[in-house]
Amino acid sequence: MGECLADLNLVFKPVLTVLDAVRILTANGPQGGDLADVKKLDTVIAGIDQIAIDSYGATLFNKKATDLSYLISAAKRGQGRIDIEKLNIKKVLI
């Protein structure tokens, strides 16, 4: 499945990626969730590297990018970066 998702990056090349993490569903998703499964983060992540955005998003679920096969596949193909520790991340409080 990871390879298939990475293949989509060859077709869809967004200029800006926005990840809405105002509230995230931590279990039983995407359709069977319960309000008890919702975690409020009040976070929005935006950037030009969709792989880096998803890699950062993985941390919101206590995962690493290397836990997700599609991110590993995409990074190996040079479609984005999963080493978010090396990125210049700017946090803005509103």
PDB file of N, CA and C in Angstrom:
ATOM      1  N   MET A   1       0.824  -1.194   0.000  1.00  0.00           N
ATOM      2  CA  MET A   1       0.000   0.000   0.000  1.00  0.00           C
ATOM      3  C   MET A   1       0.870   1.260   0.000  1.00  0.00           C
ATOM      4  N   GLY A   2       2.000   1.174   0.707  1.00  0.00           N
ATOM      5  CA  GLY A   2       2.888   2.328   0.778  1.00  0.00           C
ATOM      6  C   GLY A   2       3.383   2.775  -0.577  1.00  0.00           C
ATOM      7  N   GLU A   3       3.732   1.808  -1.428  1.00  0.00           N
ATOM      8  CA  GLU A   3       4.193   2.124  -2.776  1.00  0.00           C
ATOM      9  C   GLU A   3       3.089   2.805  -3.582  1.00  0.00           C
ATOM     10  N   CYS A   4       1.855   2.331  -3.434  1.00  0.00           N
ATOM     11  CA  CYS A   4       0.724   2.913  -4.175  1.00  0.00           C
ATOM     12  C   CYS A   4       0.496   4.367  -3.770  1.00  0.00           C
ATOM     13  N   LEU A   5       0.563   4.622  -2.474  1.00  0.00           N
ATOM     14  CA  LEU A   5       0.376   6.005  -2.023  1.00  0.00           C
ATOM     15  C   LEU A   5       1.510   6.901  -2.515  1.00  0.00           C
ATOM     16  N   ALA A   6       2.727   6.378  -2.493  1.00  0.00           N
ATOM     17  CA  ALA A   6       3.860   7.157  -3.010  1.00  0.00           C
ATOM     18  C   ALA A   6       3.694   7.410  -4.507  1.00  0.00           C
ATOM     19  N   ASP A   7       3.092   6.460  -5.236  1.00  0.00           N
ATOM     20  CA  ASP A   7       2.834   6.639  -6.672  1.00  0.00           C
ATOM     21  C   ASP A   7       1.924   7.840  -6.925  1.00  0.00           C
ATOM     22  N   LEU A   8       0.981   8.079  -6.024  1.00  0.00           N
ATOM     23  CA  LEU A   8       0.081   9.234  -6.186  1.00  0.00           C
ATOM     24  C   LEU A   8       0.854  10.551  -6.229  1.00  0.00           C
ATOM     25  N   ASN A   9       1.993  10.590  -5.529  1.00  0.00           N
ATOM     26  CA  ASN A   9       2.809  11.809  -5.536  1.00  0.00           C
ATOM     27  C   ASN A   9       3.404  12.104  -6.902  1.00  0.00           C
ATOM     28  N   LEU A  10       3.440  11.098  -7.760  1.00  0.00           N
ATOM     29  CA  LEU A  10       3.938  11.314  -9.113  1.00  0.00           C
ATOM     30  C   LEU A  10       2.900  12.022  -9.976  1.00  0.00           C
ATOM     31  N   VAL A  11       1.643  11.917  -9.582  1.00  0.00           N
ATOM     32  CA  VAL A  11       0.544  12.512 -10.345  1.00  0.00           C
ATOM     33  C   VAL A  11       0.107  13.842  -9.748  1.00  0.00           C
ATOM     34  N   PHE A  12      -0.109  13.847  -8.436  1.00  0.00           N
ATOM     35  CA  PHE A  12      -0.576  15.056  -7.752  1.00  0.00           C
ATOM     36  C   PHE A  12       0.607  15.762  -7.113  1.00  0.00           C
ATOM     37  N   LYS A  13       0.865  16.984  -7.556  1.00  0.00           N
ATOM     38  CA  LYS A  13       2.000  17.742  -7.042  1.00  0.00           C
ATOM     39  C   LYS A  13       1.508  19.092  -6.516  1.00  0.00           C
ATOM     40  N   PRO A  14       0.990  19.090  -5.290  1.00  0.00           N
ATOM     41  CA  PRO A  14       0.454  20.336  -4.748  1.00  0.00           C
ATOM     42  C   PRO A  14       1.546  21.375  -4.517  1.00  0.00           C
ATOM     43  N   VAL A  15       1.158  22.613  -4.608  1.00  0.00           N
ATOM     44  CA  VAL A  15       2.066  23.724  -4.341  1.00  0.00           C
ATOM     45  C   VAL A  15       2.102  24.005  -2.847  1.00  0.00           C
ATOM     46  N   LEU A  16       0.979  23.784  -2.182  1.00  0.00           N
ATOM     47  CA  LEU A  16       0.875  23.995  -0.742  1.00  0.00           C
ATOM     48  C   LEU A  16       0.077  22.851  -0.132  1.00  0.00           C
ATOM     49  N   THR A  17       0.572  22.308   0.956  1.00  0.00           N
ATOM     50  CA  THR A  17      -0.136  21.255   1.679  1.00  0.00           C
ATOM     51  C   THR A  17      -0.516  21.788   3.046  1.00  0.00           C
ATOM     52  N   VAL A  18      -1.774  21.601   3.420  1.00  0.00           N
ATOM     53  CA  VAL A  18      -2.263  22.046   4.725  1.00  0.00           C
ATOM     54  C   VAL A  18      -2.831  20.839   5.461  1.00  0.00           C
ATOM     55  N   LEU A  19      -2.346  20.608   6.671  1.00  0.00           N
ATOM     56  CA  LEU A  19      -2.826  19.522   7.511  1.00  0.00           C
ATOM     57  C   LEU A  19      -3.625  20.142   8.661  1.00  0.00           C
ATOM     58  N   ASP A  20      -4.896  19.837   8.708  1.00  0.00           N
ATOM     59  CA  ASP A  20      -5.781  20.353   9.756  1.00  0.00           C
ATOM     60  C   ASP A  20      -5.765  19.382  10.929  1.00  0.00           C
ATOM     61  N   ALA A  21      -5.143  19.803  12.015  1.00  0.00           N
ATOM     62  CA  ALA A  21      -5.087  18.988  13.224  1.00  0.00           C
ATOM     63  C   ALA A  21      -5.696  19.753  14.398  1.00  0.00           C
ATOM     64  N   VAL A  22      -6.726  20.522  14.089  1.00  0.00           N
ATOM     65  CA  VAL A  22      -7.416  21.227  15.171  1.00  0.00           C
ATOM     66  C   VAL A  22      -7.976  20.190  16.137  1.00  0.00           C
ATOM     67  N   ARG A  23      -8.607  19.177  15.573  1.00  0.00           N
ATOM     68  CA  ARG A  23      -9.061  18.011  16.340  1.00  0.00           C
ATOM     69  C   ARG A  23      -8.692  16.767  15.544  1.00  0.00           C
ATOM     70  N   ILE A  24      -8.122  15.775  16.215  1.00  0.00           N
ATOM     71  CA  ILE A  24      -7.747  14.555  15.518  1.00  0.00           C
ATOM     72  C   ILE A  24      -8.487  13.358  16.122  1.00  0.00           C
ATOM     73  N   LEU A  25      -8.775  12.397  15.273  1.00  0.00           N
ATOM     74  CA  LEU A  25      -9.432  11.161  15.686  1.00  0.00           C
ATOM     75  C   LEU A  25      -8.329  10.144  15.973  1.00  0.00           C
ATOM     76  N   THR A  26      -8.185   9.759  17.229  1.00  0.00           N
ATOM     77  CA  THR A  26      -7.066   8.916  17.642  1.00  0.00           C
ATOM     78  C   THR A  26      -7.360   7.423  17.594  1.00  0.00           C
ATOM     79  N   ALA A  27      -8.624   7.044  17.416  1.00  0.00           N
ATOM     80  CA  ALA A  27      -8.976   5.620  17.360  1.00  0.00           C
ATOM     81  C   ALA A  27     -10.293   5.443  16.618  1.00  0.00           C
ATOM     82  N   ASN A  28     -10.524   4.224  16.131  1.00  0.00           N
ATOM     83  CA  ASN A  28     -11.799   3.842  15.518  1.00  0.00           C
ATOM     84  C   ASN A  28     -12.199   4.683  14.313  1.00  0.00           C
ATOM     85  N   GLY A  29     -11.228   5.207  13.569  1.00  0.00           N
ATOM     86  CA  GLY A  29     -11.567   6.025  12.424  1.00  0.00           C
ATOM     87  C   GLY A  29     -11.513   5.240  11.137  1.00  0.00           C
ATOM     88  N   PRO A  30     -11.843   5.818  10.029  1.00  0.00           N
ATOM     89  CA  PRO A  30     -12.301   7.203   9.934  1.00  0.00           C
ATOM     90  C   PRO A  30     -13.804   7.387  10.176  1.00  0.00           C
ATOM     91  N   GLN A  31     -14.592   6.327  10.174  1.00  0.00           N
ATOM     92  CA  GLN A  31     -16.034   6.523  10.294  1.00  0.00           C
ATOM     93  C   GLN A  31     -16.607   6.066  11.626  1.00  0.00           C
ATOM     94  N   GLY A  32     -15.924   5.221  12.361  1.00  0.00           N
ATOM     95  CA  GLY A  32     -16.501   4.660  13.577  1.00  0.00           C
ATOM     96  C   GLY A  32     -16.094   5.377  14.838  1.00  0.00           C
ATOM     97  N   GLY A  33     -15.582   6.585  14.690  1.00  0.00           N
ATOM     98  CA  GLY A  33     -15.080   7.313  15.843  1.00  0.00           C
ATOM     99  C   GLY A  33     -16.160   7.731  16.816  1.00  0.00           C
ATOM    100  N   ASP A  34     -15.726   8.019  17.999  1.00  0.00           N
ATOM    101  CA  ASP A  34     -16.578   8.458  19.091  1.00  0.00           C
ATOM    102  C   ASP A  34     -15.945   9.743  19.632  1.00  0.00           C
ATOM    103  N   LEU A  35     -16.723  10.588  20.252  1.00  0.00           N
ATOM    104  CA  LEU A  35     -16.165  11.832  20.805  1.00  0.00           C
ATOM    105  C   LEU A  35     -15.045  11.550  21.802  1.00  0.00           C
ATOM    106  N   ALA A  36     -15.090  10.407  22.454  1.00  0.00           N
ATOM    107  CA  ALA A  36     -14.029  10.039  23.387  1.00  0.00           C
ATOM    108  C   ALA A  36     -12.706   9.781  22.656  1.00  0.00           C
ATOM    109  N   ASP A  37     -12.783   9.539  21.346  1.00  0.00           N
ATOM    110  CA  ASP A  37     -11.592   9.276  20.541  1.00  0.00           C
ATOM    111  C   ASP A  37     -10.991  10.541  19.938  1.00  0.00           C
ATOM    112  N   VAL A  38     -11.581  11.685  20.215  1.00  0.00           N
ATOM    113  CA  VAL A  38     -11.127  12.950  19.640  1.00  0.00           C
ATOM    114  C   VAL A  38     -10.173  13.655  20.601  1.00  0.00           C
ATOM    115  N   LYS A  39      -9.053  14.093  20.050  1.00  0.00           N
ATOM    116  CA  LYS A  39      -8.075  14.857  20.819  1.00  0.00           C
ATOM    117  C   LYS A  39      -7.992  16.251  20.213  1.00  0.00           C
ATOM    118  N   LYS A  40      -8.143  17.274  21.016  1.00  0.00           N
ATOM    119  CA  LYS A  40      -8.102  18.651  20.528  1.00  0.00           C
ATOM    120  C   LYS A  40      -6.663  19.161  20.602  1.00  0.00           C
ATOM    121  N   LEU A  41      -6.111  19.497  19.443  1.00  0.00           N
ATOM    122  CA  LEU A  41      -4.732  19.978  19.360  1.00  0.00           C
ATOM    123  C   LEU A  41      -4.627  21.445  18.973  1.00  0.00           C
ATOM    124  N   ASP A  42      -5.677  21.977  18.341  1.00  0.00           N
ATOM    125  CA  ASP A  42      -5.655  23.365  17.855  1.00  0.00           C
ATOM    126  C   ASP A  42      -4.380  23.651  17.064  1.00  0.00           C
ATOM    127  N   THR A  43      -4.103  22.770  16.111  1.00  0.00           N
ATOM    128  CA  THR A  43      -2.881  22.866  15.318  1.00  0.00           C
ATOM    129  C   THR A  43      -3.207  22.794  13.831  1.00  0.00           C
ATOM    130  N   VAL A  44      -2.546  23.648  13.063  1.00  0.00           N
ATOM    131  CA  VAL A  44      -2.608  23.603  11.605  1.00  0.00           C
ATOM    132  C   VAL A  44      -1.164  23.619  11.121  1.00  0.00           C
ATOM    133  N   ILE A  45      -0.856  22.711  10.211  1.00  0.00           N
ATOM    134  CA  ILE A  45       0.494  22.600   9.679  1.00  0.00           C
ATOM    135  C   ILE A  45       0.424  22.889   8.183  1.00  0.00           C
ATOM    136  N   ALA A  46       1.312  23.732   7.703  1.00  0.00           N
ATOM    137  CA  ALA A  46       1.313  24.082   6.280  1.00  0.00           C
ATOM    138  C   ALA A  46       2.744  24.126   5.770  1.00  0.00           C
ATOM    139  N   GLY A  47       2.903  23.772   4.500  1.00  0.00           N
ATOM    140  CA  GLY A  47       4.222  23.821   3.897  1.00  0.00           C
ATOM    141  C   GLY A  47       4.188  23.392   2.450  1.00  0.00           C
ATOM    142  N   ILE A  48       5.340  23.421   1.817  1.00  0.00           N
ATOM    143  CA  ILE A  48       5.427  23.086   0.395  1.00  0.00           C
ATOM    144  C   ILE A  48       5.889  21.648   0.159  1.00  0.00           C
ATOM    145  N   ASP A  49       6.306  20.951   1.214  1.00  0.00           N
ATOM    146  CA  ASP A  49       6.766  19.563   1.098  1.00  0.00           C
ATOM    147  C   ASP A  49       5.724  18.663   1.752  1.00  0.00           C
ATOM    148  N   GLN A  50       4.900  18.014   0.922  1.00  0.00           N
ATOM    149  CA  GLN A  50       3.808  17.214   1.478  1.00  0.00           C
ATOM    150  C   GLN A  50       4.304  16.022   2.296  1.00  0.00           C
ATOM    151  N   ILE A  51       5.475  15.504   1.996  1.00  0.00           N
ATOM    152  CA  ILE A  51       6.030  14.389   2.758  1.00  0.00           C
ATOM    153  C   ILE A  51       6.479  14.878   4.131  1.00  0.00           C
ATOM    154  N   ALA A  52       7.093  16.028   4.184  1.00  0.00           N
ATOM    155  CA  ALA A  52       7.498  16.604   5.467  1.00  0.00           C
ATOM    156  C   ALA A  52       6.270  16.930   6.321  1.00  0.00           C
ATOM    157  N   ILE A  53       5.209  17.419   5.697  1.00  0.00           N
ATOM    158  CA  ILE A  53       3.980  17.732   6.429  1.00  0.00           C
ATOM    159  C   ILE A  53       3.414  16.466   7.056  1.00  0.00           C
ATOM    160  N   ASP A  54       3.308  15.395   6.290  1.00  0.00           N
ATOM    161  CA  ASP A  54       2.793  14.138   6.828  1.00  0.00           C
ATOM    162  C   ASP A  54       3.745  13.553   7.877  1.00  0.00           C
ATOM    163  N   SER A  55       5.036  13.737   7.688  1.00  0.00           N
ATOM    164  CA  SER A  55       6.005  13.248   8.671  1.00  0.00           C
ATOM    165  C   SER A  55       5.813  13.960  10.002  1.00  0.00           C
ATOM    166  N   TYR A  56       5.597  15.252   9.936  1.00  0.00           N
ATOM    167  CA  TYR A  56       5.322  16.007  11.168  1.00  0.00           C
ATOM    168  C   TYR A  56       3.975  15.580  11.745  1.00  0.00           C
ATOM    169  N   GLY A  57       2.997  15.380  10.881  1.00  0.00           N
ATOM    170  CA  GLY A  57       1.679  14.943  11.328  1.00  0.00           C
ATOM    171  C   GLY A  57       1.738  13.613  12.065  1.00  0.00           C
ATOM    172  N   ALA A  58       2.619  12.729  11.653  1.00  0.00           N
ATOM    173  CA  ALA A  58       2.766  11.431  12.328  1.00  0.00           C
ATOM    174  C   ALA A  58       3.113  11.618  13.801  1.00  0.00           C
ATOM    175  N   THR A  59       3.884  12.655  14.099  1.00  0.00           N
ATOM    176  CA  THR A  59       4.281  12.887  15.493  1.00  0.00           C
ATOM    177  C   THR A  59       3.083  13.235  16.370  1.00  0.00           C
ATOM    178  N   LEU A  60       2.026  13.743  15.771  1.00  0.00           N
ATOM    179  CA  LEU A  60       0.825  14.078  16.536  1.00  0.00           C
ATOM    180  C   LEU A  60       0.124  12.825  17.046  1.00  0.00           C
ATOM    181  N   PHE A  61       0.452  11.679  16.442  1.00  0.00           N
ATOM    182  CA  PHE A  61      -0.111  10.392  16.842  1.00  0.00           C
ATOM    183  C   PHE A  61       0.948   9.533  17.544  1.00  0.00           C
ATOM    184  N   ASN A  62       2.003  10.210  18.029  1.00  0.00           N
ATOM    185  CA  ASN A  62       3.112   9.529  18.711  1.00  0.00           C
ATOM    186  C   ASN A  62       3.775   8.479  17.827  1.00  0.00           C
ATOM    187  N   LYS A  63       3.898   8.807  16.547  1.00  0.00           N
ATOM    188  CA  LYS A  63       4.581   7.939  15.588  1.00  0.00           C
ATOM    189  C   LYS A  63       5.733   8.716  14.950  1.00  0.00           C
ATOM    190  N   LYS A  64       6.595   7.971  14.276  1.00  0.00           N
ATOM    191  CA  LYS A  64       7.669   8.567  13.495  1.00  0.00           C
ATOM    192  C   LYS A  64       7.343   8.343  12.023  1.00  0.00           C
ATOM    193  N   ALA A  65       7.904   9.171  11.177  1.00  0.00           N
ATOM    194  CA  ALA A  65       7.684   9.005   9.736  1.00  0.00           C
ATOM    195  C   ALA A  65       8.095   7.617   9.281  1.00  0.00           C
ATOM    196  N   THR A  66       9.131   7.075   9.904  1.00  0.00           N
ATOM    197  CA  THR A  66       9.622   5.754   9.518  1.00  0.00           C
ATOM    198  C   THR A  66       8.662   4.626   9.932  1.00  0.00           C
ATOM    199  N   ASP A  67       7.622   4.949  10.674  1.00  0.00           N
ATOM    200  CA  ASP A  67       6.582   3.969  11.002  1.00  0.00           C
ATOM    201  C   ASP A  67       5.570   3.813   9.871  1.00  0.00           C
ATOM    202  N   LEU A  68       5.608   4.718   8.890  1.00  0.00           N
ATOM    203  CA  LEU A  68       4.611   4.748   7.818  1.00  0.00           C
ATOM    204  C   LEU A  68       5.280   4.432   6.483  1.00  0.00           C
ATOM    205  N   SER A  69       4.887   3.295   5.897  1.00  0.00           N
ATOM    206  CA  SER A  69       5.565   2.804   4.692  1.00  0.00           C
ATOM    207  C   SER A  69       5.489   3.772   3.518  1.00  0.00           C
ATOM    208  N   TYR A  70       4.369   4.492   3.370  1.00  0.00           N
ATOM    209  CA  TYR A  70       4.270   5.395   2.221  1.00  0.00           C
ATOM    210  C   TYR A  70       5.235   6.563   2.344  1.00  0.00           C
ATOM    211  N   LEU A  71       5.537   6.989   3.561  1.00  0.00           N
ATOM    212  CA  LEU A  71       6.500   8.081   3.736  1.00  0.00           C
ATOM    213  C   LEU A  71       7.914   7.591   3.440  1.00  0.00           C
ATOM    214  N   ILE A  72       8.222   6.380   3.848  1.00  0.00           N
ATOM    215  CA  ILE A  72       9.537   5.804   3.527  1.00  0.00           C
ATOM    216  C   ILE A  72       9.695   5.683   2.019  1.00  0.00           C
ATOM    217  N   SER A  73       8.674   5.161   1.344  1.00  0.00           N
ATOM    218  CA  SER A  73       8.726   4.998  -0.119  1.00  0.00           C
ATOM    219  C   SER A  73       8.891   6.337  -0.819  1.00  0.00           C
ATOM    220  N   ALA A  74       8.117   7.322  -0.398  1.00  0.00           N
ATOM    221  CA  ALA A  74       8.190   8.649  -1.026  1.00  0.00           C
ATOM    222  C   ALA A  74       9.555   9.287  -0.801  1.00  0.00           C
ATOM    223  N   ALA A  75      10.103   9.157   0.392  1.00  0.00           N
ATOM    224  CA  ALA A  75      11.418   9.732   0.681  1.00  0.00           C
ATOM    225  C   ALA A  75      12.504   9.055  -0.144  1.00  0.00           C
ATOM    226  N   LYS A  76      12.428   7.730  -0.295  1.00  0.00           N
ATOM    227  CA  LYS A  76      13.414   7.008  -1.111  1.00  0.00           C
ATOM    228  C   LYS A  76      13.371   7.454  -2.564  1.00  0.00           C
ATOM    229  N   ARG A  77      12.198   7.871  -3.026  1.00  0.00           N
ATOM    230  CA  ARG A  77      12.040   8.347  -4.405  1.00  0.00           C
ATOM    231  C   ARG A  77      12.401   9.819  -4.560  1.00  0.00           C
ATOM    232  N   GLY A  78      12.761  10.461  -3.464  1.00  0.00           N
ATOM    233  CA  GLY A  78      13.129  11.869  -3.522  1.00  0.00           C
ATOM    234  C   GLY A  78      11.938  12.800  -3.622  1.00  0.00           C
ATOM    235  N   GLN A  79      10.775  12.342  -3.165  1.00  0.00           N
ATOM    236  CA  GLN A  79       9.553  13.146  -3.268  1.00  0.00           C
ATOM    237  C   GLN A  79       9.358  14.094  -2.096  1.00  0.00           C
ATOM    238  N   GLY A  80      10.200  13.988  -1.094  1.00  0.00           N
ATOM    239  CA  GLY A  80      10.080  14.864   0.077  1.00  0.00           C
ATOM    240  C   GLY A  80      10.991  14.368   1.175  1.00  0.00           C
ATOM    241  N   ARG A  81      10.942  15.082   2.294  1.00  0.00           N
ATOM    242  CA  ARG A  81      11.836  14.772   3.403  1.00  0.00           C
ATOM    243  C   ARG A  81      11.069  14.224   4.589  1.00  0.00           C
ATOM    244  N   ILE A  82      11.635  13.184   5.200  1.00  0.00           N
ATOM    245  CA  ILE A  82      11.016  12.650   6.416  1.00  0.00           C
ATOM    246  C   ILE A  82      11.855  12.973   7.651  1.00  0.00           C
ATOM    247  N   ASP A  83      13.035  13.526   7.440  1.00  0.00           N
ATOM    248  CA  ASP A  83      13.910  13.875   8.569  1.00  0.00           C
ATOM    249  C   ASP A  83      13.547  15.271   9.084  1.00  0.00           C
ATOM    250  N   ILE A  84      12.408  15.371   9.753  1.00  0.00           N
ATOM    251  CA  ILE A  84      11.878  16.682  10.140  1.00  0.00           C
ATOM    252  C   ILE A  84      12.748  17.388  11.179  1.00  0.00           C
ATOM    253  N   GLU A  85      13.633  16.636  11.851  1.00  0.00           N
ATOM    254  CA  GLU A  85      14.530  17.269  12.821  1.00  0.00           C
ATOM    255  C   GLU A  85      15.453  18.271  12.140  1.00  0.00           C
ATOM    256  N   LYS A  86      15.704  18.077  10.857  1.00  0.00           N
ATOM    257  CA  LYS A  86      16.626  18.937  10.119  1.00  0.00           C
ATOM    258  C   LYS A  86      15.920  20.090   9.404  1.00  0.00           C
ATOM    259  N   LEU A  87      14.608  20.163   9.527  1.00  0.00           N
ATOM    260  CA  LEU A  87      13.847  21.220   8.849  1.00  0.00           C
ATOM    261  C   LEU A  87      13.738  22.463   9.712  1.00  0.00           C
ATOM    262  N   ASN A  88      13.557  23.577   9.078  1.00  0.00           N
ATOM    263  CA  ASN A  88      13.327  24.844   9.779  1.00  0.00           C
ATOM    264  C   ASN A  88      11.813  24.998   9.981  1.00  0.00           C
ATOM    265  N   ILE A  89      11.345  24.575  11.147  1.00  0.00           N
ATOM    266  CA  ILE A  89       9.913  24.630  11.449  1.00  0.00           C
ATOM    267  C   ILE A  89       9.624  25.888  12.260  1.00  0.00           C
ATOM    268  N   LYS A  90       8.733  26.688  11.738  1.00  0.00           N
ATOM    269  CA  LYS A  90       8.368  27.935  12.414  1.00  0.00           C
ATOM    270  C   LYS A  90       6.999  27.748  13.063  1.00  0.00           C
ATOM    271  N   LYS A  91       6.938  27.966  14.371  1.00  0.00           N
ATOM    272  CA  LYS A  91       5.670  27.827  15.093  1.00  0.00           C
ATOM    273  C   LYS A  91       5.110  29.215  15.363  1.00  0.00           C
ATOM    274  N   VAL A  92       3.831  29.374  15.046  1.00  0.00           N
ATOM    275  CA  VAL A  92       3.157  30.652  15.215  1.00  0.00           C
ATOM    276  C   VAL A  92       1.950  30.431  16.123  1.00  0.00           C
ATOM    277  N   LEU A  93       1.871  31.168  17.186  1.00  0.00           N
ATOM    278  CA  LEU A  93       0.718  31.094  18.089  1.00  0.00           C
ATOM    279  C   LEU A  93      -0.266  32.198  17.705  1.00  0.00           C
ATOM    280  N   ILE A  94      -1.511  31.829  17.618  1.00  0.00           N
ATOM    281  CA  ILE A  94      -2.543  32.819  17.249  1.00  0.00           C
ATOM    282  C   ILE A  94      -3.510  32.957  18.396  1.00  0.00           C
TER     283      ILE A  94
END
